[in-house]
Amino acid sequence: MSAFHGIAALVLLALLLVQVFTAPTNRMVNSAALVFVLAAVGGLFLFGLRLSRHKLPLGVVALHGAFALAALALLAAGVLR
């Protein structure tokens, strides 16, 4: 399940980045893309820990989710504006 989550997130992030680089006029959407990238970096870190069978640090898990939710809110605000 986490592999599907990560693959879907990376594909959708790539689509968002294509939009940002082709029409970078909406600052909210641009900010959302940046925060999504930070969330993706955290997700890749967590995925690496999971592959090495280490315990996932709760703080990093919480930050990963918080960044993703903040980016989603920025994206919604930018699109609905």
C-alpha atoms as a PDB file:
ATOM      1  CA  MET A   1       0.000   0.000   0.000  1.00  0.00           C
ATOM      2  CA  SER A   2       2.784   2.459   0.833  1.00  0.00           C
ATOM      3  CA  ALA A   3       4.458   1.757  -2.516  1.00  0.00           C
ATOM      4  CA  PHE A   4       1.256   2.720  -4.366  1.00  0.00           C
ATOM      5  CA  HIS A   5       0.980   5.837  -2.184  1.00  0.00           C
ATOM      6  CA  GLY A   6       4.526   6.865  -3.084  1.00  0.00           C
ATOM      7  CA  ILE A   7       4.224   6.129  -6.799  1.00  0.00           C
ATOM      8  CA  ALA A   8       0.927   8.009  -7.064  1.00  0.00           C
ATOM      9  CA  ALA A   9       2.390  10.960  -5.155  1.00  0.00           C
ATOM     10  CA  LEU A  10       5.469  11.135  -7.398  1.00  0.00           C
ATOM     11  CA  VAL A  11       3.427  10.921 -10.612  1.00  0.00           C
ATOM     12  CA  LEU A  12       0.999  13.609  -9.459  1.00  0.00           C
ATOM     13  CA  LEU A  13       3.854  15.789  -8.204  1.00  0.00           C
ATOM     14  CA  ALA A  14       5.514  15.494 -11.616  1.00  0.00           C
ATOM     15  CA  LEU A  15       2.283  16.629 -13.283  1.00  0.00           C
ATOM     16  CA  LEU A  16       2.011  19.567 -10.885  1.00  0.00           C
ATOM     17  CA  LEU A  17       5.631  20.556 -11.536  1.00  0.00           C
ATOM     18  CA  VAL A  18       5.047  20.476 -15.297  1.00  0.00           C
ATOM     19  CA  GLN A  19       2.154  22.917 -14.795  1.00  0.00           C
ATOM     20  CA  VAL A  20       4.247  25.134 -12.522  1.00  0.00           C
ATOM     21  CA  PHE A  21       7.143  25.333 -14.971  1.00  0.00           C
ATOM     22  CA  THR A  22       4.935  25.927 -18.029  1.00  0.00           C
ATOM     23  CA  ALA A  23       2.655  28.551 -16.431  1.00  0.00           C
ATOM     24  CA  PRO A  24       4.275  29.856 -13.223  1.00  0.00           C
ATOM     25  CA  THR A  25       1.819  32.676 -12.578  1.00  0.00           C
ATOM     26  CA  ASN A  26      -0.095  31.379  -9.561  1.00  0.00           C
ATOM     27  CA  ARG A  27       1.996  31.843  -6.402  1.00  0.00           C
ATOM     28  CA  MET A  28      -0.247  29.614  -4.283  1.00  0.00           C
ATOM     29  CA  VAL A  29       0.140  26.713  -6.706  1.00  0.00           C
ATOM     30  CA  ASN A  30       3.897  27.334  -6.904  1.00  0.00           C
ATOM     31  CA  SER A  31       4.116  27.322  -3.108  1.00  0.00           C
ATOM     32  CA  ALA A  32       2.049  24.138  -2.971  1.00  0.00           C
ATOM     33  CA  ALA A  33       4.475  22.462  -5.373  1.00  0.00           C
ATOM     34  CA  LEU A  34       7.433  23.428  -3.180  1.00  0.00           C
ATOM     35  CA  VAL A  35       5.758  22.112  -0.024  1.00  0.00           C
ATOM     36  CA  PHE A  36       4.750  18.916  -1.857  1.00  0.00           C
ATOM     37  CA  VAL A  37       8.414  18.433  -2.829  1.00  0.00           C
ATOM     38  CA  LEU A  38       9.389  18.755   0.842  1.00  0.00           C
ATOM     39  CA  ALA A  39       6.706  16.226   1.780  1.00  0.00           C
ATOM     40  CA  ALA A  40       8.004  13.886  -0.937  1.00  0.00           C
ATOM     41  CA  VAL A  41      11.553  14.137   0.407  1.00  0.00           C
ATOM     42  CA  GLY A  42      10.234  13.167   3.835  1.00  0.00           C
ATOM     43  CA  GLY A  43       8.283  10.320   2.282  1.00  0.00           C
ATOM     44  CA  LEU A  44      11.368   9.018   0.470  1.00  0.00           C
ATOM     45  CA  PHE A  45      13.284   9.171   3.755  1.00  0.00           C
ATOM     46  CA  LEU A  46      10.542   7.185   5.493  1.00  0.00           C
ATOM     47  CA  PHE A  47      10.461   4.692   2.636  1.00  0.00           C
ATOM     48  CA  GLY A  48      14.217   4.196   2.975  1.00  0.00           C
ATOM     49  CA  LEU A  49      13.829   3.560   6.693  1.00  0.00           C
ATOM     50  CA  ARG A  50      11.055   1.079   6.016  1.00  0.00           C
ATOM     51  CA  LEU A  51      13.180  -0.794   3.461  1.00  0.00           C
ATOM     52  CA  SER A  52      16.015  -1.062   5.971  1.00  0.00           C
ATOM     53  CA  ARG A  53      13.501  -2.284   8.565  1.00  0.00           C
ATOM     54  CA  HIS A  54      14.158   0.588  10.963  1.00  0.00           C
ATOM     55  CA  LYS A  55      11.451   1.951  13.195  1.00  0.00           C
ATOM     56  CA  LEU A  56       9.809   5.030  11.676  1.00  0.00           C
ATOM     57  CA  PRO A  57      10.308   8.183  13.772  1.00  0.00           C
ATOM     58  CA  LEU A  58       6.895   9.515  14.733  1.00  0.00           C
ATOM     59  CA  GLY A  59       8.010  13.132  14.338  1.00  0.00           C
ATOM     60  CA  VAL A  60       9.053  12.592  10.724  1.00  0.00           C
ATOM     61  CA  VAL A  61       5.827  10.722   9.985  1.00  0.00           C
ATOM     62  CA  ALA A  62       3.814  13.608  11.477  1.00  0.00           C
ATOM     63  CA  LEU A  63       5.814  16.233   9.558  1.00  0.00           C
ATOM     64  CA  HIS A  64       5.381  14.288   6.309  1.00  0.00           C
ATOM     65  CA  GLY A  65       1.614  14.283   6.774  1.00  0.00           C
ATOM     66  CA  ALA A  66       1.485  17.907   7.942  1.00  0.00           C
ATOM     67  CA  PHE A  67       3.493  19.105   4.939  1.00  0.00           C
ATOM     68  CA  ALA A  68       1.266  17.135   2.568  1.00  0.00           C
ATOM     69  CA  LEU A  69      -1.912  18.569   4.117  1.00  0.00           C
ATOM     70  CA  ALA A  70      -0.507  22.108   4.064  1.00  0.00           C
ATOM     71  CA  ALA A  71       0.458  21.690   0.399  1.00  0.00           C
ATOM     72  CA  LEU A  72      -3.006  20.353  -0.414  1.00  0.00           C
ATOM     73  CA  ALA A  73      -4.588  23.384   1.268  1.00  0.00           C
ATOM     74  CA  LEU A  74      -2.312  25.755  -0.673  1.00  0.00           C
ATOM     75  CA  LEU A  75      -3.108  23.949  -3.916  1.00  0.00           C
ATOM     76  CA  ALA A  76      -6.855  24.112  -3.281  1.00  0.00           C
ATOM     77  CA  ALA A  77      -6.629  27.806  -2.397  1.00  0.00           C
ATOM     78  CA  GLY A  78      -4.610  28.514  -5.519  1.00  0.00           C
ATOM     79  CA  VAL A  79      -6.919  26.605  -7.844  1.00  0.00           C
ATOM     80  CA  LEU A  80     -10.164  27.894  -6.349  1.00  0.00           C
ATOM     81  CA  ARG A  81      -8.960  31.510  -6.221  1.00  0.00           C
END
